[in-house]
Amino acid sequence: MEKLIAFGVLSIPIIALSWHTLFDVKSHGFYRFFGWEGILWLAISNYKFWFDNPFSLLQIFSWVFLFFGAYLVIAGVIQMKKTGKAEKSRKADSLYHFEKTTELVDTGIFKYIRHPLYSSLIFLTLGVLLKNINVSLIIVAFASIVFFYFTSITDEKECIAYFGNKYSEYMKRTKRFIPFII
């Protein structure tokens, strides 16, 4: 019961952040919301195990995934702010301000992957899952990753609609989530 109450209470800020896209299936924010909810459920389920057996192989991999995820989000946001030229003039209610880039960001981490922020969320999902693995949490993690995959697909459609062929060409040069792999 505690987990459900915590999940309900902590879902409120996620709902507030996602409200503008929550009912728009064509928006990447719709799918991102469910991915975030999956991470929240994993975190609530595994918070007691965060520092258990700190030198076990699973904990080491967990921390590697968490730190790599943190690197990706920090590098991605910095690069977006540095070269993306986010402007209020870009009319897209489904985007947060920093996402309203008017220049295609294809340098820094974006030179290698198109979605470092979603990739960071996938690594966060895996890192939190590895704190204490069980079948139900594997299902939640898998669902969360699938939602981030659909988030990226929908985001790419939005980017093609805004940037056109320039984004299509960029897609040919980069991987979606992991440099040189996928």
N, C-alpha and C. Protein backbone atom coordinates (compact mmCIF):
# COMPACT_ATOMS: atom_id res chain seq x y z
N MET A 1 0.82 -1.20 0.00
CA MET A 1 0.00 0.00 0.00
C MET A 1 0.86 1.27 0.00
N GLU A 2 1.98 1.19 0.75
CA GLU A 2 2.90 2.34 0.78
C GLU A 2 3.38 2.71 -0.62
N LYS A 3 3.74 1.68 -1.40
CA LYS A 3 4.26 1.93 -2.75
C LYS A 3 3.21 2.62 -3.62
N LEU A 4 1.97 2.19 -3.51
CA LEU A 4 0.91 2.80 -4.31
C LEU A 4 0.67 4.26 -3.92
N ILE A 5 0.72 4.54 -2.63
CA ILE A 5 0.54 5.92 -2.17
C ILE A 5 1.71 6.78 -2.66
N ALA A 6 2.93 6.27 -2.49
CA ALA A 6 4.11 7.02 -2.95
C ALA A 6 4.04 7.24 -4.46
N PHE A 7 3.63 6.19 -5.19
CA PHE A 7 3.52 6.31 -6.63
C PHE A 7 2.49 7.37 -7.01
N GLY A 8 1.35 7.35 -6.35
CA GLY A 8 0.31 8.35 -6.63
C GLY A 8 0.77 9.76 -6.35
N VAL A 9 1.40 9.95 -5.22
CA VAL A 9 1.85 11.30 -4.83
C VAL A 9 2.97 11.78 -5.76
N LEU A 10 3.94 10.90 -6.04
CA LEU A 10 5.07 11.31 -6.89
C LEU A 10 4.69 11.40 -8.36
N SER A 11 3.56 10.81 -8.73
CA SER A 11 3.08 10.95 -10.11
C SER A 11 2.51 12.34 -10.37
N ILE A 12 2.10 13.04 -9.33
CA ILE A 12 1.50 14.36 -9.51
C ILE A 12 2.43 15.32 -10.25
N PRO A 13 3.72 15.45 -9.84
CA PRO A 13 4.59 16.35 -10.61
C PRO A 13 4.82 15.87 -12.05
N ILE A 14 4.86 14.56 -12.25
CA ILE A 14 5.05 14.04 -13.62
C ILE A 14 3.83 14.37 -14.46
N ILE A 15 2.66 14.24 -13.89
CA ILE A 15 1.43 14.60 -14.60
C ILE A 15 1.44 16.09 -14.91
N ALA A 16 1.84 16.89 -13.92
CA ALA A 16 1.88 18.35 -14.13
C ALA A 16 2.85 18.72 -15.26
N LEU A 17 4.02 18.07 -15.29
CA LEU A 17 5.00 18.34 -16.34
C LEU A 17 4.52 17.87 -17.71
N SER A 18 3.69 16.84 -17.73
CA SER A 18 3.26 16.22 -18.99
C SER A 18 1.87 16.64 -19.42
N TRP A 19 1.20 17.44 -18.64
CA TRP A 19 -0.21 17.73 -18.88
C TRP A 19 -0.50 18.20 -20.31
N HIS A 20 0.36 19.05 -20.84
CA HIS A 20 0.11 19.61 -22.17
C HIS A 20 0.22 18.58 -23.29
N THR A 21 0.75 17.39 -23.00
CA THR A 21 0.85 16.36 -24.04
C THR A 21 0.14 15.06 -23.66
N LEU A 22 -0.42 15.03 -22.50
CA LEU A 22 -0.96 13.78 -21.96
C LEU A 22 -2.06 13.16 -22.80
N PHE A 23 -2.80 13.96 -23.53
CA PHE A 23 -3.91 13.44 -24.32
C PHE A 23 -3.67 13.55 -25.82
N ASP A 24 -2.41 13.78 -26.19
CA ASP A 24 -2.05 13.91 -27.60
C ASP A 24 -1.16 12.73 -28.01
N VAL A 25 -1.75 11.68 -28.53
CA VAL A 25 -1.02 10.47 -28.89
C VAL A 25 0.03 10.74 -29.98
N LYS A 26 -0.12 11.81 -30.72
CA LYS A 26 0.83 12.14 -31.79
C LYS A 26 2.05 12.89 -31.27
N SER A 27 2.05 13.23 -29.98
CA SER A 27 3.16 13.97 -29.38
C SER A 27 4.13 13.01 -28.70
N HIS A 28 5.42 13.32 -28.81
CA HIS A 28 6.39 12.46 -28.13
C HIS A 28 6.23 12.52 -26.61
N GLY A 29 5.67 13.61 -26.11
CA GLY A 29 5.45 13.73 -24.67
C GLY A 29 4.46 12.73 -24.11
N PHE A 30 3.53 12.28 -24.93
CA PHE A 30 2.56 11.28 -24.51
C PHE A 30 3.28 10.00 -24.10
N TYR A 31 4.16 9.51 -24.94
CA TYR A 31 4.88 8.27 -24.66
C TYR A 31 5.93 8.46 -23.57
N ARG A 32 6.56 9.63 -23.56
CA ARG A 32 7.56 9.93 -22.54
C ARG A 32 6.95 9.87 -21.15
N PHE A 33 5.71 10.34 -21.00
CA PHE A 33 5.02 10.30 -19.71
C PHE A 33 5.00 8.87 -19.15
N PHE A 34 4.63 7.91 -19.98
CA PHE A 34 4.54 6.53 -19.51
C PHE A 34 5.91 5.94 -19.21
N GLY A 35 6.92 6.36 -19.96
CA GLY A 35 8.28 5.94 -19.65
C GLY A 35 8.72 6.47 -18.30
N TRP A 36 8.43 7.75 -18.04
CA TRP A 36 8.75 8.35 -16.74
C TRP A 36 8.03 7.63 -15.61
N GLU A 37 6.78 7.29 -15.83
CA GLU A 37 6.01 6.58 -14.80
C GLU A 37 6.63 5.22 -14.51
N GLY A 38 7.14 4.55 -15.55
CA GLY A 38 7.82 3.27 -15.34
C GLY A 38 9.06 3.43 -14.48
N ILE A 39 9.85 4.46 -14.77
CA ILE A 39 11.04 4.72 -13.95
C ILE A 39 10.64 5.01 -12.50
N LEU A 40 9.58 5.78 -12.33
CA LEU A 40 9.11 6.09 -10.98
C LEU A 40 8.75 4.82 -10.23
N TRP A 41 8.01 3.91 -10.89
CA TRP A 41 7.63 2.66 -10.23
C TRP A 41 8.87 1.83 -9.88
N LEU A 42 9.83 1.78 -10.77
CA LEU A 42 11.08 1.06 -10.49
C LEU A 42 11.81 1.67 -9.29
N ALA A 43 11.87 2.99 -9.26
CA ALA A 43 12.57 3.67 -8.16
C ALA A 43 11.88 3.43 -6.82
N ILE A 44 10.57 3.50 -6.82
CA ILE A 44 9.82 3.26 -5.59
C ILE A 44 9.99 1.81 -5.14
N SER A 45 10.01 0.90 -6.09
CA SER A 45 10.15 -0.52 -5.76
C SER A 45 11.56 -0.88 -5.29
N ASN A 46 12.55 -0.16 -5.76
CA ASN A 46 13.93 -0.53 -5.49
C ASN A 46 14.70 0.40 -4.56
N TYR A 47 14.06 1.43 -4.03
CA TYR A 47 14.83 2.39 -3.24
C TYR A 47 15.49 1.75 -2.02
N LYS A 48 14.91 0.71 -1.46
CA LYS A 48 15.48 0.06 -0.28
C LYS A 48 16.77 -0.70 -0.61
N PHE A 49 16.97 -1.00 -1.88
CA PHE A 49 18.11 -1.81 -2.29
C PHE A 49 19.23 -0.97 -2.91
N TRP A 50 19.09 0.34 -2.86
CA TRP A 50 19.99 1.23 -3.57
C TRP A 50 21.47 0.98 -3.23
N PHE A 51 21.75 0.74 -1.95
CA PHE A 51 23.15 0.58 -1.54
C PHE A 51 23.44 -0.80 -0.97
N ASP A 52 22.53 -1.76 -1.17
CA ASP A 52 22.78 -3.13 -0.72
C ASP A 52 23.91 -3.75 -1.52
N ASN A 53 24.76 -4.48 -0.84
CA ASN A 53 25.82 -5.23 -1.49
C ASN A 53 26.52 -4.38 -2.56
N PRO A 54 27.16 -3.28 -2.16
CA PRO A 54 27.65 -2.28 -3.11
C PRO A 54 28.70 -2.76 -4.12
N PHE A 55 29.37 -3.87 -3.85
CA PHE A 55 30.41 -4.32 -4.77
C PHE A 55 30.00 -5.55 -5.57
N SER A 56 28.71 -5.84 -5.56
CA SER A 56 28.24 -6.95 -6.39
C SER A 56 28.27 -6.51 -7.85
N LEU A 57 28.31 -7.48 -8.73
CA LEU A 57 28.37 -7.18 -10.17
C LEU A 57 27.15 -6.38 -10.63
N LEU A 58 25.96 -6.74 -10.13
CA LEU A 58 24.75 -6.00 -10.51
C LEU A 58 24.80 -4.55 -10.05
N GLN A 59 25.29 -4.32 -8.85
CA GLN A 59 25.39 -2.94 -8.34
C GLN A 59 26.40 -2.14 -9.15
N ILE A 60 27.50 -2.76 -9.50
CA ILE A 60 28.52 -2.06 -10.30
C ILE A 60 27.94 -1.68 -11.66
N PHE A 61 27.28 -2.63 -12.33
CA PHE A 61 26.64 -2.32 -13.61
C PHE A 61 25.56 -1.26 -13.44
N SER A 62 24.82 -1.34 -12.35
CA SER A 62 23.78 -0.35 -12.08
C SER A 62 24.37 1.05 -12.02
N TRP A 63 25.45 1.20 -11.26
CA TRP A 63 26.07 2.52 -11.13
C TRP A 63 26.69 2.99 -12.44
N VAL A 64 27.25 2.07 -13.22
CA VAL A 64 27.79 2.45 -14.53
C VAL A 64 26.67 2.99 -15.40
N PHE A 65 25.53 2.29 -15.44
CA PHE A 65 24.39 2.75 -16.24
C PHE A 65 23.87 4.09 -15.73
N LEU A 66 23.78 4.25 -14.42
CA LEU A 66 23.27 5.51 -13.86
C LEU A 66 24.20 6.68 -14.17
N PHE A 67 25.51 6.47 -14.04
CA PHE A 67 26.44 7.56 -14.33
C PHE A 67 26.50 7.87 -15.82
N PHE A 68 26.44 6.84 -16.67
CA PHE A 68 26.43 7.07 -18.10
C PHE A 68 25.16 7.82 -18.50
N GLY A 69 24.03 7.44 -17.89
CA GLY A 69 22.77 8.16 -18.14
C GLY A 69 22.87 9.62 -17.72
N ALA A 70 23.51 9.87 -16.58
CA ALA A 70 23.68 11.25 -16.12
C ALA A 70 24.56 12.03 -17.09
N TYR A 71 25.63 11.40 -17.56
CA TYR A 71 26.50 12.06 -18.54
C TYR A 71 25.72 12.44 -19.80
N LEU A 72 24.92 11.50 -20.31
CA LEU A 72 24.17 11.75 -21.54
C LEU A 72 23.20 12.91 -21.40
N VAL A 73 22.47 12.97 -20.30
CA VAL A 73 21.49 14.05 -20.14
C VAL A 73 22.20 15.39 -19.98
N ILE A 74 23.28 15.42 -19.22
CA ILE A 74 24.02 16.67 -19.03
C ILE A 74 24.63 17.14 -20.35
N ALA A 75 25.30 16.23 -21.05
CA ALA A 75 25.91 16.60 -22.34
C ALA A 75 24.85 17.03 -23.35
N GLY A 76 23.72 16.34 -23.35
CA GLY A 76 22.65 16.67 -24.30
C GLY A 76 22.03 18.02 -24.05
N VAL A 77 21.71 18.31 -22.80
CA VAL A 77 21.08 19.60 -22.47
C VAL A 77 22.06 20.75 -22.73
N ILE A 78 23.31 20.57 -22.35
CA ILE A 78 24.31 21.62 -22.59
C ILE A 78 24.43 21.90 -24.08
N GLN A 79 24.51 20.84 -24.89
CA GLN A 79 24.65 21.02 -26.33
C GLN A 79 23.41 21.66 -26.94
N MET A 80 22.23 21.28 -26.46
CA MET A 80 20.99 21.88 -26.98
C MET A 80 20.96 23.37 -26.68
N LYS A 81 21.34 23.73 -25.46
CA LYS A 81 21.33 25.15 -25.09
C LYS A 81 22.41 25.92 -25.83
N LYS A 82 23.53 25.28 -26.08
CA LYS A 82 24.66 25.93 -26.73
C LYS A 82 24.40 26.20 -28.21
N THR A 83 23.85 25.22 -28.92
CA THR A 83 23.74 25.36 -30.37
C THR A 83 22.32 25.29 -30.92
N GLY A 84 21.35 24.95 -30.11
CA GLY A 84 20.00 24.74 -30.62
C GLY A 84 19.19 25.99 -30.84
N LYS A 85 19.59 27.10 -30.23
CA LYS A 85 18.87 28.37 -30.36
C LYS A 85 17.38 28.20 -30.09
N ALA A 86 17.08 27.77 -28.87
CA ALA A 86 15.67 27.62 -28.49
C ALA A 86 15.00 28.98 -28.47
N GLU A 87 13.85 29.05 -29.10
CA GLU A 87 13.14 30.32 -29.20
C GLU A 87 11.65 30.12 -28.96
N LYS A 88 11.07 31.09 -28.29
CA LYS A 88 9.63 31.05 -28.04
C LYS A 88 8.83 31.17 -29.33
N SER A 89 9.47 31.69 -30.36
CA SER A 89 8.77 31.89 -31.63
C SER A 89 8.41 30.57 -32.30
N ARG A 90 9.10 29.49 -31.92
CA ARG A 90 8.76 28.19 -32.50
C ARG A 90 7.46 27.72 -31.86
N LYS A 91 6.45 27.62 -32.67
CA LYS A 91 5.12 27.25 -32.19
C LYS A 91 5.02 25.74 -32.09
N ALA A 92 5.12 25.25 -30.88
CA ALA A 92 4.97 23.82 -30.61
C ALA A 92 4.60 23.68 -29.14
N ASP A 93 3.33 23.59 -28.88
CA ASP A 93 2.87 23.51 -27.49
C ASP A 93 3.35 22.24 -26.78
N SER A 94 3.67 21.22 -27.55
CA SER A 94 4.07 19.95 -26.94
C SER A 94 5.53 19.96 -26.49
N LEU A 95 6.28 21.01 -26.80
CA LEU A 95 7.70 21.06 -26.46
C LEU A 95 7.96 21.95 -25.25
N TYR A 96 8.93 21.53 -24.42
CA TYR A 96 9.42 22.42 -23.37
C TYR A 96 10.28 23.48 -24.05
N HIS A 97 10.55 24.58 -23.35
CA HIS A 97 11.29 25.68 -23.97
C HIS A 97 12.63 25.21 -24.55
N PHE A 98 13.41 24.44 -23.77
CA PHE A 98 14.73 24.05 -24.27
C PHE A 98 14.65 23.12 -25.47
N GLU A 99 13.47 22.51 -25.70
CA GLU A 99 13.29 21.63 -26.86
C GLU A 99 12.91 22.41 -28.12
N LYS A 100 12.55 23.66 -27.98
CA LYS A 100 12.10 24.46 -29.12
C LYS A 100 13.29 25.02 -29.89
N THR A 101 14.14 24.11 -30.32
CA THR A 101 15.33 24.54 -31.05
C THR A 101 14.95 24.96 -32.47
N THR A 102 15.59 25.99 -32.93
CA THR A 102 15.35 26.45 -34.30
C THR A 102 16.52 26.08 -35.20
N GLU A 103 17.58 25.57 -34.60
CA GLU A 103 18.73 25.07 -35.36
C GLU A 103 18.87 23.58 -35.03
N LEU A 104 19.14 22.78 -36.04
CA LEU A 104 19.35 21.36 -35.82
C LEU A 104 20.64 21.17 -35.03
N VAL A 105 20.55 20.47 -33.92
CA VAL A 105 21.72 20.22 -33.08
C VAL A 105 22.32 18.90 -33.55
N ASP A 106 23.50 18.99 -34.16
CA ASP A 106 24.16 17.79 -34.67
C ASP A 106 25.65 17.78 -34.32
N THR A 107 26.00 18.47 -33.25
CA THR A 107 27.38 18.49 -32.77
C THR A 107 27.40 17.97 -31.35
N GLY A 108 28.60 17.82 -30.80
CA GLY A 108 28.72 17.28 -29.44
C GLY A 108 28.19 15.85 -29.42
N ILE A 109 27.49 15.50 -28.38
CA ILE A 109 26.93 14.15 -28.25
C ILE A 109 25.94 13.85 -29.37
N PHE A 110 25.28 14.90 -29.90
CA PHE A 110 24.32 14.72 -30.98
C PHE A 110 24.99 14.32 -32.30
N LYS A 111 26.29 14.43 -32.36
CA LYS A 111 27.01 13.98 -33.55
C LYS A 111 26.97 12.45 -33.64
N TYR A 112 26.80 11.79 -32.50
CA TYR A 112 26.83 10.34 -32.44
C TYR A 112 25.46 9.70 -32.23
N ILE A 113 24.60 10.37 -31.47
CA ILE A 113 23.26 9.83 -31.23
C ILE A 113 22.22 10.95 -31.31
N ARG A 114 21.06 10.60 -31.83
CA ARG A 114 20.00 11.59 -32.02
C ARG A 114 19.25 11.90 -30.73
N HIS A 115 19.23 10.97 -29.80
CA HIS A 115 18.38 11.14 -28.62
C HIS A 115 19.15 10.88 -27.32
N PRO A 116 20.12 11.72 -26.99
CA PRO A 116 20.87 11.46 -25.75
C PRO A 116 19.99 11.58 -24.50
N LEU A 117 18.97 12.42 -24.53
CA LEU A 117 18.13 12.54 -23.35
C LEU A 117 17.26 11.31 -23.17
N TYR A 118 16.72 10.76 -24.24
CA TYR A 118 15.93 9.52 -24.12
C TYR A 118 16.85 8.35 -23.82
N SER A 119 18.02 8.36 -24.41
CA SER A 119 19.00 7.33 -24.11
C SER A 119 19.36 7.35 -22.63
N SER A 120 19.51 8.54 -22.08
CA SER A 120 19.82 8.65 -20.65
C SER A 120 18.70 8.05 -19.80
N LEU A 121 17.46 8.22 -20.24
CA LEU A 121 16.33 7.65 -19.51
C LEU A 121 16.31 6.12 -19.61
N ILE A 122 16.73 5.59 -20.73
CA ILE A 122 16.83 4.14 -20.87
C ILE A 122 17.92 3.59 -19.94
N PHE A 123 19.06 4.26 -19.89
CA PHE A 123 20.11 3.83 -18.98
C PHE A 123 19.70 4.00 -17.52
N LEU A 124 18.95 5.04 -17.22
CA LEU A 124 18.41 5.22 -15.87
C LEU A 124 17.47 4.06 -15.53
N THR A 125 16.60 3.71 -16.46
CA THR A 125 15.69 2.59 -16.26
C THR A 125 16.47 1.31 -15.93
N LEU A 126 17.48 1.01 -16.73
CA LEU A 126 18.27 -0.20 -16.50
C LEU A 126 19.05 -0.14 -15.19
N GLY A 127 19.61 1.04 -14.91
CA GLY A 127 20.36 1.20 -13.67
C GLY A 127 19.49 1.01 -12.44
N VAL A 128 18.29 1.53 -12.45
CA VAL A 128 17.39 1.37 -11.30
C VAL A 128 16.90 -0.07 -11.22
N LEU A 129 16.62 -0.68 -12.36
CA LEU A 129 16.18 -2.08 -12.38
C LEU A 129 17.23 -2.99 -11.74
N LEU A 130 18.49 -2.76 -12.05
CA LEU A 130 19.56 -3.64 -11.56
C LEU A 130 19.76 -3.57 -10.05
N LYS A 131 19.17 -2.61 -9.39
CA LYS A 131 19.28 -2.53 -7.93
C LYS A 131 18.65 -3.75 -7.27
N ASN A 132 17.55 -4.25 -7.85
CA ASN A 132 16.88 -5.44 -7.33
C ASN A 132 15.98 -5.99 -8.43
N ILE A 133 16.45 -7.00 -9.10
CA ILE A 133 15.72 -7.53 -10.25
C ILE A 133 14.69 -8.56 -9.80
N ASN A 134 13.48 -8.42 -10.35
CA ASN A 134 12.47 -9.48 -10.26
C ASN A 134 11.62 -9.41 -11.51
N VAL A 135 10.81 -10.44 -11.73
CA VAL A 135 10.07 -10.56 -12.98
C VAL A 135 9.16 -9.37 -13.22
N SER A 136 8.43 -8.93 -12.21
CA SER A 136 7.49 -7.82 -12.43
C SER A 136 8.23 -6.53 -12.77
N LEU A 137 9.39 -6.31 -12.17
CA LEU A 137 10.15 -5.10 -12.48
C LEU A 137 10.82 -5.18 -13.85
N ILE A 138 11.17 -6.38 -14.28
CA ILE A 138 11.70 -6.55 -15.64
C ILE A 138 10.62 -6.15 -16.64
N ILE A 139 9.38 -6.53 -16.38
CA ILE A 139 8.27 -6.18 -17.27
C ILE A 139 8.07 -4.67 -17.29
N VAL A 140 8.11 -4.04 -16.12
CA VAL A 140 7.96 -2.58 -16.05
C VAL A 140 9.11 -1.89 -16.79
N ALA A 141 10.33 -2.36 -16.59
CA ALA A 141 11.49 -1.76 -17.26
C ALA A 141 11.37 -1.93 -18.77
N PHE A 142 10.98 -3.12 -19.22
CA PHE A 142 10.81 -3.35 -20.65
C PHE A 142 9.75 -2.41 -21.22
N ALA A 143 8.62 -2.27 -20.53
CA ALA A 143 7.56 -1.37 -20.99
C ALA A 143 8.06 0.06 -21.05
N SER A 144 8.80 0.47 -20.04
CA SER A 144 9.33 1.83 -20.00
C SER A 144 10.26 2.08 -21.19
N ILE A 145 11.13 1.12 -21.48
CA ILE A 145 12.05 1.25 -22.61
C ILE A 145 11.28 1.30 -23.93
N VAL A 146 10.24 0.50 -24.05
CA VAL A 146 9.41 0.53 -25.26
C VAL A 146 8.76 1.91 -25.42
N PHE A 147 8.29 2.48 -24.32
CA PHE A 147 7.70 3.82 -24.39
C PHE A 147 8.75 4.85 -24.81
N PHE A 148 9.99 4.73 -24.34
CA PHE A 148 11.03 5.67 -24.78
C PHE A 148 11.37 5.45 -26.26
N TYR A 149 11.29 4.23 -26.72
CA TYR A 149 11.49 3.97 -28.14
C TYR A 149 10.41 4.69 -28.95
N PHE A 150 9.15 4.55 -28.55
CA PHE A 150 8.07 5.24 -29.25
C PHE A 150 8.18 6.76 -29.11
N THR A 151 8.71 7.19 -27.98
CA THR A 151 8.97 8.63 -27.80
C THR A 151 9.94 9.10 -28.88
N SER A 152 11.00 8.35 -29.08
CA SER A 152 12.01 8.76 -30.07
C SER A 152 11.45 8.74 -31.48
N ILE A 153 10.65 7.74 -31.80
CA ILE A 153 10.06 7.65 -33.15
C ILE A 153 9.15 8.87 -33.39
N THR A 154 8.33 9.17 -32.40
CA THR A 154 7.41 10.31 -32.54
C THR A 154 8.18 11.62 -32.60
N ASP A 155 9.23 11.74 -31.79
CA ASP A 155 10.06 12.94 -31.81
C ASP A 155 10.71 13.11 -33.18
N GLU A 156 11.15 12.03 -33.77
CA GLU A 156 11.77 12.11 -35.10
C GLU A 156 10.78 12.59 -36.15
N LYS A 157 9.54 12.15 -36.06
CA LYS A 157 8.51 12.64 -36.98
C LYS A 157 8.31 14.15 -36.82
N GLU A 158 8.31 14.60 -35.56
CA GLU A 158 8.17 16.04 -35.29
C GLU A 158 9.37 16.81 -35.85
N CYS A 159 10.56 16.24 -35.69
CA CYS A 159 11.77 16.92 -36.19
C CYS A 159 11.80 16.96 -37.71
N ILE A 160 11.37 15.89 -38.35
CA ILE A 160 11.31 15.89 -39.82
C ILE A 160 10.30 16.93 -40.29
N ALA A 161 9.17 17.03 -39.58
CA ALA A 161 8.16 18.04 -39.95
C ALA A 161 8.72 19.45 -39.82
N TYR A 162 9.58 19.69 -38.83
CA TYR A 162 10.11 21.03 -38.61
C TYR A 162 11.37 21.29 -39.44
N PHE A 163 12.34 20.37 -39.40
CA PHE A 163 13.63 20.59 -40.06
C PHE A 163 13.70 20.04 -41.48
N GLY A 164 12.77 19.18 -41.83
CA GLY A 164 12.71 18.65 -43.20
C GLY A 164 13.84 17.70 -43.54
N ASN A 165 14.32 17.80 -44.76
CA ASN A 165 15.34 16.90 -45.29
C ASN A 165 16.64 16.96 -44.48
N LYS A 166 16.91 18.10 -43.89
CA LYS A 166 18.12 18.24 -43.09
C LYS A 166 18.13 17.22 -41.94
N TYR A 167 16.97 17.01 -41.34
CA TYR A 167 16.88 16.03 -40.25
C TYR A 167 16.95 14.61 -40.80
N SER A 168 16.33 14.36 -41.95
CA SER A 168 16.38 13.03 -42.56
C SER A 168 17.83 12.64 -42.87
N GLU A 169 18.60 13.58 -43.37
CA GLU A 169 20.02 13.32 -43.63
C GLU A 169 20.79 13.07 -42.34
N TYR A 170 20.45 13.83 -41.31
CA TYR A 170 21.07 13.66 -39.99
C TYR A 170 20.80 12.26 -39.45
N MET A 171 19.58 11.76 -39.66
CA MET A 171 19.23 10.42 -39.21
C MET A 171 20.10 9.34 -39.85
N LYS A 172 20.51 9.56 -41.08
CA LYS A 172 21.35 8.59 -41.78
C LYS A 172 22.76 8.55 -41.21
N ARG A 173 23.20 9.65 -40.60
CA ARG A 173 24.57 9.75 -40.08
C ARG A 173 24.71 9.32 -38.63
N THR A 174 23.59 9.18 -37.92
CA THR A 174 23.68 8.94 -36.49
C THR A 174 22.88 7.71 -36.07
N LYS A 175 23.15 7.26 -34.88
CA LYS A 175 22.38 6.18 -34.27
C LYS A 175 21.34 6.79 -33.35
N ARG A 176 20.35 6.02 -32.99
CA ARG A 176 19.24 6.55 -32.19
C ARG A 176 19.62 6.72 -30.71
N PHE A 177 20.21 5.66 -30.10
CA PHE A 177 20.42 5.70 -28.65
C PHE A 177 21.86 5.47 -28.19
N ILE A 178 22.57 4.57 -28.87
CA ILE A 178 23.91 4.21 -28.42
C ILE A 178 24.87 4.44 -29.58
N PRO A 179 25.91 5.26 -29.36
CA PRO A 179 26.86 5.56 -30.44
C PRO A 179 27.40 4.31 -31.12
N PHE A 180 27.38 4.31 -32.44
CA PHE A 180 27.94 3.26 -33.28
C PHE A 180 27.20 1.91 -33.20
N ILE A 181 26.12 1.83 -32.39
CA ILE A 181 25.44 0.54 -32.20
C ILE A 181 23.99 0.58 -32.65
N ILE A 182 23.18 1.34 -31.97
CA ILE A 182 21.75 1.37 -32.27
C ILE A 182 21.18 2.77 -32.12
